[in-house]
């Protein structure tokens, strides 16, 4: 019966073989790419930028609170699902007067 350590040794050997196969395939791919680029007279610059510049994310202003439960101090902006403390009651009762 094969032991755990023997399996681990086999795994390590297979990982080495897989890494070597990966390196060989990468080398072959590079050769094919270089050949195609040479045949068509292309350079790296002809391929375009590697990554497009990301649009800057504009920070959003926080939404002001519109409703408040005076008993618990919980608030709600009025967006999204209504909170439990508002169920069965009129929203106008909890409206924050500005």
N, C-alpha and C. Protein backbone atom coordinates (compact mmCIF):
# COMPACT_ATOMS: atom_id res chain seq x y z
N UNK A 1 0.85 -1.18 0.00
CA UNK A 1 0.00 0.00 0.00
C UNK A 1 0.90 1.24 0.00
N UNK A 2 0.51 2.23 -0.78
CA UNK A 2 1.29 3.45 -0.90
C UNK A 2 1.02 4.35 0.31
N UNK A 3 2.09 4.97 0.81
CA UNK A 3 1.95 5.82 1.98
C UNK A 3 1.74 7.28 1.57
N UNK A 4 1.35 8.05 2.53
CA UNK A 4 1.11 9.48 2.32
C UNK A 4 2.37 10.16 1.80
N UNK A 5 3.51 9.85 2.38
CA UNK A 5 4.77 10.47 1.98
C UNK A 5 5.13 10.11 0.54
N UNK A 6 4.81 8.91 0.12
CA UNK A 6 5.08 8.52 -1.26
C UNK A 6 4.20 9.31 -2.22
N UNK A 7 2.95 9.51 -1.82
CA UNK A 7 2.06 10.33 -2.66
C UNK A 7 2.58 11.77 -2.75
N UNK A 8 3.04 12.29 -1.63
CA UNK A 8 3.57 13.65 -1.63
C UNK A 8 4.80 13.77 -2.53
N UNK A 9 5.66 12.76 -2.53
CA UNK A 9 6.84 12.75 -3.39
C UNK A 9 6.42 12.70 -4.86
N UNK A 10 5.39 11.90 -5.18
CA UNK A 10 4.89 11.82 -6.55
C UNK A 10 4.29 13.16 -6.98
N UNK A 11 3.56 13.79 -6.07
CA UNK A 11 2.97 15.09 -6.37
C UNK A 11 4.06 16.11 -6.67
N UNK A 12 5.10 16.13 -5.84
CA UNK A 12 6.20 17.07 -6.04
C UNK A 12 6.87 16.84 -7.40
N UNK A 13 7.09 15.59 -7.76
CA UNK A 13 7.71 15.26 -9.04
C UNK A 13 6.82 15.69 -10.20
N UNK A 14 5.52 15.43 -10.10
CA UNK A 14 4.59 15.83 -11.16
C UNK A 14 4.50 17.35 -11.28
N UNK A 15 4.58 18.05 -10.16
CA UNK A 15 4.57 19.51 -10.21
C UNK A 15 5.81 20.04 -10.93
N UNK A 16 6.96 19.41 -10.70
CA UNK A 16 8.18 19.81 -11.39
C UNK A 16 8.03 19.56 -12.89
N UNK A 17 7.47 18.41 -13.25
CA UNK A 17 7.26 18.09 -14.66
C UNK A 17 6.28 19.06 -15.31
N UNK A 18 5.23 19.41 -14.59
CA UNK A 18 4.24 20.35 -15.12
C UNK A 18 4.85 21.72 -15.33
N UNK A 19 5.67 22.16 -14.39
CA UNK A 19 6.32 23.48 -14.52
C UNK A 19 7.27 23.48 -15.71
N UNK A 20 8.01 22.39 -15.90
CA UNK A 20 8.93 22.31 -17.04
C UNK A 20 8.15 22.31 -18.36
N UNK A 21 7.03 21.58 -18.41
CA UNK A 21 6.20 21.55 -19.61
C UNK A 21 5.64 22.94 -19.89
N UNK A 22 5.25 23.66 -18.85
CA UNK A 22 4.74 25.02 -19.01
C UNK A 22 5.81 25.94 -19.59
N UNK A 23 7.01 25.84 -19.06
CA UNK A 23 8.11 26.67 -19.57
C UNK A 23 8.39 26.37 -21.03
N UNK A 24 8.35 25.09 -21.40
CA UNK A 24 8.59 24.71 -22.80
C UNK A 24 7.49 25.27 -23.71
N UNK A 25 6.24 25.18 -23.27
CA UNK A 25 5.13 25.69 -24.08
C UNK A 25 5.20 27.20 -24.22
N UNK A 26 5.61 27.89 -23.16
CA UNK A 26 5.76 29.35 -23.23
C UNK A 26 6.85 29.70 -24.23
N UNK A 27 7.95 28.99 -24.19
CA UNK A 27 9.05 29.25 -25.13
C UNK A 27 8.57 29.04 -26.57
N UNK A 28 7.82 27.97 -26.81
CA UNK A 28 7.30 27.71 -28.16
C UNK A 28 6.33 28.81 -28.60
N UNK A 29 5.48 29.26 -27.68
CA UNK A 29 4.53 30.32 -28.00
C UNK A 29 5.26 31.61 -28.34
N UNK A 30 6.31 31.93 -27.60
CA UNK A 30 7.11 33.13 -27.88
C UNK A 30 7.74 33.05 -29.25
N UNK A 31 8.25 31.88 -29.61
CA UNK A 31 8.85 31.69 -30.92
C UNK A 31 7.81 31.89 -32.02
N UNK A 32 6.62 31.33 -31.84
CA UNK A 32 5.56 31.48 -32.84
C UNK A 32 5.14 32.95 -32.98
N UNK A 33 5.02 33.63 -31.87
CA UNK A 33 4.64 35.04 -31.90
C UNK A 33 5.71 35.85 -32.60
N UNK A 34 6.98 35.59 -32.27
CA UNK A 34 8.08 36.33 -32.90
C UNK A 34 8.10 36.08 -34.40
N UNK A 35 7.85 34.85 -34.82
CA UNK A 35 7.83 34.52 -36.24
C UNK A 35 6.71 35.27 -36.96
N UNK A 36 5.52 35.26 -36.39
CA UNK A 36 4.40 35.97 -37.00
C UNK A 36 4.68 37.46 -37.08
N UNK A 37 5.20 38.03 -36.01
CA UNK A 37 5.50 39.46 -36.00
C UNK A 37 6.56 39.79 -37.05
N UNK A 38 7.55 38.94 -37.18
CA UNK A 38 8.61 39.15 -38.17
C UNK A 38 8.03 39.05 -39.59
N UNK A 39 7.17 38.06 -39.82
CA UNK A 39 6.58 37.86 -41.15
C UNK A 39 5.72 39.06 -41.57
N UNK A 40 5.02 39.66 -40.62
CA UNK A 40 4.15 40.79 -40.95
C UNK A 40 4.82 42.14 -40.68
N UNK A 41 6.05 42.14 -40.22
CA UNK A 41 6.78 43.38 -39.97
C UNK A 41 6.19 44.19 -38.83
N UNK A 42 5.73 43.52 -37.82
CA UNK A 42 5.13 44.20 -36.67
C UNK A 42 6.14 44.38 -35.55
N UNK A 43 5.91 45.44 -34.76
CA UNK A 43 6.71 45.65 -33.55
C UNK A 43 5.77 45.64 -32.36
N UNK A 44 6.34 45.70 -31.19
CA UNK A 44 5.53 45.72 -29.97
C UNK A 44 4.62 46.95 -29.97
N UNK A 45 5.13 48.08 -30.45
CA UNK A 45 4.34 49.31 -30.47
C UNK A 45 3.11 49.17 -31.37
N UNK A 46 3.21 48.34 -32.42
CA UNK A 46 2.08 48.14 -33.33
C UNK A 46 0.92 47.41 -32.64
N UNK A 47 1.19 46.72 -31.58
CA UNK A 47 0.16 45.96 -30.88
C UNK A 47 -0.73 46.85 -30.02
N UNK A 48 -0.32 48.06 -29.75
CA UNK A 48 -1.12 48.99 -28.96
C UNK A 48 -0.76 48.90 -27.49
N UNK A 49 -1.40 49.75 -26.69
CA UNK A 49 -1.10 49.74 -25.26
C UNK A 49 -1.59 48.44 -24.62
N UNK A 50 -0.85 48.00 -23.64
CA UNK A 50 -1.18 46.74 -22.97
C UNK A 50 -2.45 46.86 -22.14
N UNK A 51 -2.63 48.00 -21.49
CA UNK A 51 -3.79 48.18 -20.61
C UNK A 51 -4.34 49.59 -20.84
N UNK A 52 -5.65 49.67 -20.96
CA UNK A 52 -6.27 50.98 -21.07
C UNK A 52 -6.28 51.62 -19.69
N UNK A 53 -6.12 52.91 -19.68
CA UNK A 53 -6.16 53.63 -18.41
C UNK A 53 -7.58 53.59 -17.87
N UNK A 54 -7.70 53.25 -16.62
CA UNK A 54 -9.01 53.18 -15.98
C UNK A 54 -9.54 54.58 -15.73
N UNK A 55 -10.85 54.73 -15.88
CA UNK A 55 -11.46 56.02 -15.60
C UNK A 55 -11.41 56.27 -14.09
N UNK A 56 -11.09 57.47 -13.71
CA UNK A 56 -11.06 57.74 -12.27
C UNK A 56 -12.47 57.64 -11.68
N UNK A 57 -12.55 57.09 -10.51
CA UNK A 57 -13.83 56.92 -9.84
C UNK A 57 -14.13 58.19 -9.06
N UNK A 58 -15.28 58.76 -9.37
CA UNK A 58 -15.67 59.98 -8.67
C UNK A 58 -16.30 59.61 -7.34
N UNK A 59 -15.85 60.22 -6.27
CA UNK A 59 -16.47 59.90 -4.97
C UNK A 59 -17.89 60.47 -4.94
N UNK A 60 -18.81 59.69 -4.41
CA UNK A 60 -20.20 60.12 -4.31
C UNK A 60 -20.45 60.77 -2.96
N UNK A 61 -21.26 61.79 -3.00
CA UNK A 61 -21.64 62.44 -1.75
C UNK A 61 -22.62 61.54 -1.01
N UNK A 62 -22.51 61.47 0.30
CA UNK A 62 -23.45 60.62 1.05
C UNK A 62 -24.87 61.18 0.94
N UNK A 63 -25.83 60.29 0.93
CA UNK A 63 -27.24 60.68 0.83
C UNK A 63 -27.71 61.11 2.22
N UNK A 64 -28.35 62.26 2.31
CA UNK A 64 -28.82 62.70 3.63
C UNK A 64 -29.95 61.82 4.14
N UNK A 65 -30.04 61.69 5.45
CA UNK A 65 -31.08 60.90 6.08
C UNK A 65 -32.41 61.63 5.94
N UNK A 66 -33.46 60.88 5.66
CA UNK A 66 -34.77 61.47 5.44
C UNK A 66 -35.76 61.10 6.54
N UNK A 67 -35.57 59.92 7.13
CA UNK A 67 -36.47 59.43 8.17
C UNK A 67 -35.69 59.02 9.40
N UNK A 68 -36.29 59.25 10.59
CA UNK A 68 -35.64 58.87 11.84
C UNK A 68 -36.68 58.32 12.81
N UNK A 69 -36.29 57.22 13.48
CA UNK A 69 -37.12 56.66 14.54
C UNK A 69 -36.61 57.29 15.84
N UNK A 70 -37.42 58.16 16.43
CA UNK A 70 -36.97 58.88 17.63
C UNK A 70 -36.76 57.96 18.82
N UNK A 71 -37.46 56.82 18.87
CA UNK A 71 -37.30 55.90 19.99
C UNK A 71 -35.93 55.23 19.98
N UNK A 72 -35.49 54.79 18.81
CA UNK A 72 -34.22 54.05 18.73
C UNK A 72 -33.08 54.87 18.15
N UNK A 73 -33.40 55.96 17.46
CA UNK A 73 -32.37 56.77 16.83
C UNK A 73 -31.94 56.24 15.47
N UNK A 74 -32.59 55.18 15.00
CA UNK A 74 -32.25 54.63 13.69
C UNK A 74 -32.75 55.57 12.60
N UNK A 75 -31.99 55.61 11.50
CA UNK A 75 -32.35 56.48 10.39
C UNK A 75 -32.41 55.69 9.10
N UNK A 76 -33.06 56.31 8.09
CA UNK A 76 -33.19 55.70 6.76
C UNK A 76 -33.19 56.82 5.74
N UNK A 77 -32.52 56.61 4.64
CA UNK A 77 -32.41 57.63 3.59
C UNK A 77 -33.65 57.70 2.72
N UNK A 78 -34.49 56.69 2.77
CA UNK A 78 -35.66 56.65 1.90
C UNK A 78 -35.37 55.86 0.64
N UNK A 79 -34.15 55.37 0.51
CA UNK A 79 -33.76 54.58 -0.66
C UNK A 79 -33.68 53.11 -0.25
N UNK A 80 -34.00 52.26 -1.21
CA UNK A 80 -33.91 50.84 -0.94
C UNK A 80 -35.10 50.35 -0.12
N UNK A 81 -34.93 49.18 0.43
CA UNK A 81 -36.00 48.53 1.18
C UNK A 81 -36.25 49.27 2.50
N UNK A 82 -37.50 49.43 2.84
CA UNK A 82 -37.85 50.12 4.09
C UNK A 82 -37.45 49.27 5.29
N UNK A 83 -36.95 49.89 6.35
CA UNK A 83 -36.53 49.13 7.52
C UNK A 83 -37.72 48.58 8.31
N UNK A 84 -37.44 47.61 9.16
CA UNK A 84 -38.48 46.94 9.96
C UNK A 84 -39.25 47.93 10.85
N UNK A 85 -38.55 48.89 11.44
CA UNK A 85 -39.20 49.81 12.36
C UNK A 85 -40.22 50.70 11.66
N UNK A 86 -40.24 50.72 10.34
CA UNK A 86 -41.16 51.53 9.57
C UNK A 86 -42.39 50.73 9.10
N UNK A 87 -42.36 49.41 9.26
CA UNK A 87 -43.44 48.56 8.78
C UNK A 87 -44.75 48.87 9.48
N UNK A 88 -45.81 48.98 8.67
CA UNK A 88 -47.14 49.21 9.22
C UNK A 88 -47.37 50.62 9.71
N UNK A 89 -46.45 51.51 9.47
CA UNK A 89 -46.57 52.89 9.94
C UNK A 89 -46.44 53.82 8.74
N UNK A 90 -46.85 55.05 8.90
CA UNK A 90 -46.73 56.02 7.82
C UNK A 90 -45.34 56.64 7.85
N UNK A 91 -44.77 56.76 6.68
CA UNK A 91 -43.42 57.34 6.59
C UNK A 91 -43.40 58.78 7.10
N UNK A 92 -44.49 59.49 6.88
CA UNK A 92 -44.54 60.90 7.26
C UNK A 92 -44.34 61.11 8.76
N UNK A 93 -44.68 60.08 9.56
CA UNK A 93 -44.49 60.17 11.01
C UNK A 93 -43.02 60.28 11.38
N UNK A 94 -42.16 59.75 10.54
CA UNK A 94 -40.74 59.68 10.84
C UNK A 94 -39.90 60.67 10.03
N UNK A 95 -40.55 61.49 9.23
CA UNK A 95 -39.86 62.44 8.37
C UNK A 95 -39.04 63.41 9.19
N UNK A 96 -37.80 63.60 8.82
CA UNK A 96 -36.93 64.55 9.51
C UNK A 96 -37.22 65.93 8.95
N UNK A 97 -37.60 66.85 9.81
CA UNK A 97 -37.90 68.21 9.37
C UNK A 97 -36.61 69.00 9.28
N UNK A 98 -36.42 69.62 8.16
CA UNK A 98 -35.14 70.31 7.90
C UNK A 98 -35.24 71.78 8.21
